[in-house]
Amino acid sequence: MRTFRSIIVCIISLSLVTACSQHNSEQDEFVVFAHHENMNDELRESLFKCLANEEILYRVDNDKNVLIKNKDVDHAVIRCS
């Protein structure tokens, strides 16, 4: 009975460690948040300020599109749209 209990505890522990260590790489991918066709310089600067205030990491690609991480899209839509 004691051996069975030890095995169950080991299996549960390993399952928890495995579940916690899995990382969803899709959430860290950058996606287009604002297309350059829809923004003038004033709107772009305003968006940059809002994203910085909300501590949302952003990038600007070669086409001047504003990119943010997929995990931050909902937050950015709520606070910076």
C-alpha atoms as a PDB file:
ATOM      1  CA  MET A   1       0.000   0.000   0.000  1.00  0.00           C
ATOM      2  CA  ARG A   2       2.866   2.332   0.840  1.00  0.00           C
ATOM      3  CA  THR A   3       4.559   1.705  -2.515  1.00  0.00           C
ATOM      4  CA  PHE A   4       1.324   2.397  -4.371  1.00  0.00           C
ATOM      5  CA  ARG A   5       0.917   5.691  -2.536  1.00  0.00           C
ATOM      6  CA  SER A   6       4.502   6.717  -3.350  1.00  0.00           C
ATOM      7  CA  ILE A   7       3.969   5.943  -7.019  1.00  0.00           C
ATOM      8  CA  ILE A   8       0.766   8.009  -7.117  1.00  0.00           C
ATOM      9  CA  VAL A   9       2.496  10.963  -5.416  1.00  0.00           C
ATOM     10  CA  CYS A  10       5.377  10.768  -7.938  1.00  0.00           C
ATOM     11  CA  ILE A  11       2.993  10.655 -10.898  1.00  0.00           C
ATOM     12  CA  ILE A  12       0.994  13.627  -9.634  1.00  0.00           C
ATOM     13  CA  SER A  13       4.166  15.609  -8.902  1.00  0.00           C
ATOM     14  CA  LEU A  14       5.607  14.921 -12.343  1.00  0.00           C
ATOM     15  CA  SER A  15       2.300  15.858 -13.966  1.00  0.00           C
ATOM     16  CA  LEU A  16       2.234  19.181 -12.137  1.00  0.00           C
ATOM     17  CA  VAL A  17       5.838  19.981 -13.043  1.00  0.00           C
ATOM     18  CA  THR A  18       5.202  19.128 -16.693  1.00  0.00           C
ATOM     19  CA  ALA A  19       2.023  21.205 -16.837  1.00  0.00           C
ATOM     20  CA  CYS A  20       3.710  24.226 -15.254  1.00  0.00           C
ATOM     21  CA  SER A  21       6.739  24.066 -17.513  1.00  0.00           C
ATOM     22  CA  GLN A  22       4.815  24.031 -20.781  1.00  0.00           C
ATOM     23  CA  HIS A  23       5.080  27.356 -22.572  1.00  0.00           C
ATOM     24  CA  ASN A  24       2.621  28.510 -25.200  1.00  0.00           C
ATOM     25  CA  SER A  25       4.834  30.049 -27.882  1.00  0.00           C
ATOM     26  CA  GLU A  26       1.818  31.381 -29.798  1.00  0.00           C
ATOM     27  CA  GLN A  27       1.229  33.898 -27.028  1.00  0.00           C
ATOM     28  CA  ASP A  28       4.725  35.330 -27.496  1.00  0.00           C
ATOM     29  CA  GLU A  29       4.379  35.810 -31.251  1.00  0.00           C
ATOM     30  CA  PHE A  30       4.045  39.370 -32.488  1.00  0.00           C
ATOM     31  CA  VAL A  31       0.876  40.162 -34.443  1.00  0.00           C
ATOM     32  CA  VAL A  32      -0.180  43.273 -36.327  1.00  0.00           C
ATOM     33  CA  PHE A  33      -2.187  45.510 -34.019  1.00  0.00           C
ATOM     34  CA  ALA A  34      -2.399  48.629 -36.206  1.00  0.00           C
ATOM     35  CA  HIS A  35      -1.899  48.802 -39.971  1.00  0.00           C
ATOM     36  CA  HIS A  36       0.034  51.751 -41.325  1.00  0.00           C
ATOM     37  CA  GLU A  37      -2.736  52.593 -43.845  1.00  0.00           C
ATOM     38  CA  ASN A  38      -5.135  53.408 -41.010  1.00  0.00           C
ATOM     39  CA  MET A  39      -2.843  55.732 -39.059  1.00  0.00           C
ATOM     40  CA  ASN A  40      -1.320  59.145 -39.496  1.00  0.00           C
ATOM     41  CA  ASP A  41       1.736  60.286 -37.513  1.00  0.00           C
ATOM     42  CA  GLU A  42      -0.365  61.851 -34.747  1.00  0.00           C
ATOM     43  CA  LEU A  43      -2.418  58.692 -34.185  1.00  0.00           C
ATOM     44  CA  ARG A  44       0.715  56.547 -34.275  1.00  0.00           C
ATOM     45  CA  GLU A  45       2.405  58.676 -31.576  1.00  0.00           C
ATOM     46  CA  SER A  46      -0.744  58.533 -29.464  1.00  0.00           C
ATOM     47  CA  LEU A  47      -0.814  54.743 -29.770  1.00  0.00           C
ATOM     48  CA  PHE A  48       2.874  54.504 -28.816  1.00  0.00           C
ATOM     49  CA  LYS A  49       2.215  56.562 -25.667  1.00  0.00           C
ATOM     50  CA  CYS A  50      -0.767  54.432 -24.699  1.00  0.00           C
ATOM     51  CA  LEU A  51       1.104  51.163 -25.236  1.00  0.00           C
ATOM     52  CA  ALA A  52       4.040  52.477 -23.206  1.00  0.00           C
ATOM     53  CA  ASN A  53       1.718  53.627 -20.385  1.00  0.00           C
ATOM     54  CA  GLU A  54       0.104  50.188 -20.315  1.00  0.00           C
ATOM     55  CA  GLU A  55       3.566  48.540 -20.390  1.00  0.00           C
ATOM     56  CA  ILE A  56       2.750  46.657 -23.580  1.00  0.00           C
ATOM     57  CA  LEU A  57       5.809  45.749 -25.613  1.00  0.00           C
ATOM     58  CA  TYR A  58       5.467  46.806 -29.253  1.00  0.00           C
ATOM     59  CA  ARG A  59       7.508  46.827 -32.436  1.00  0.00           C
ATOM     60  CA  VAL A  60       7.213  48.633 -35.732  1.00  0.00           C
ATOM     61  CA  ASP A  61       7.878  46.564 -38.839  1.00  0.00           C
ATOM     62  CA  ASN A  62       9.371  47.729 -42.133  1.00  0.00           C
ATOM     63  CA  ASP A  63       5.920  48.725 -43.427  1.00  0.00           C
ATOM     64  CA  LYS A  64       5.299  50.879 -40.317  1.00  0.00           C
ATOM     65  CA  ASN A  65       2.705  48.461 -38.922  1.00  0.00           C
ATOM     66  CA  VAL A  66       2.547  48.348 -35.124  1.00  0.00           C
ATOM     67  CA  LEU A  67       3.063  44.842 -33.763  1.00  0.00           C
ATOM     68  CA  ILE A  68       2.312  43.602 -30.250  1.00  0.00           C
ATOM     69  CA  LYS A  69       2.493  40.198 -28.593  1.00  0.00           C
ATOM     70  CA  ASN A  70      -0.534  38.001 -29.104  1.00  0.00           C
ATOM     71  CA  LYS A  71      -1.062  37.717 -25.333  1.00  0.00           C
ATOM     72  CA  ASP A  72      -1.438  41.518 -25.068  1.00  0.00           C
ATOM     73  CA  VAL A  73      -4.029  42.001 -27.814  1.00  0.00           C
ATOM     74  CA  ASP A  74      -7.103  41.993 -25.551  1.00  0.00           C
ATOM     75  CA  HIS A  75      -5.482  44.395 -23.092  1.00  0.00           C
ATOM     76  CA  ALA A  76      -4.403  46.734 -25.896  1.00  0.00           C
ATOM     77  CA  VAL A  77      -7.859  46.694 -27.499  1.00  0.00           C
ATOM     78  CA  ILE A  78      -9.508  47.579 -24.214  1.00  0.00           C
ATOM     79  CA  ARG A  79      -7.065  50.311 -23.180  1.00  0.00           C
ATOM     80  CA  CYS A  80      -5.606  51.721 -26.405  1.00  0.00           C
ATOM     81  CA  SER A  81      -8.361  51.630 -29.030  1.00  0.00           C
END
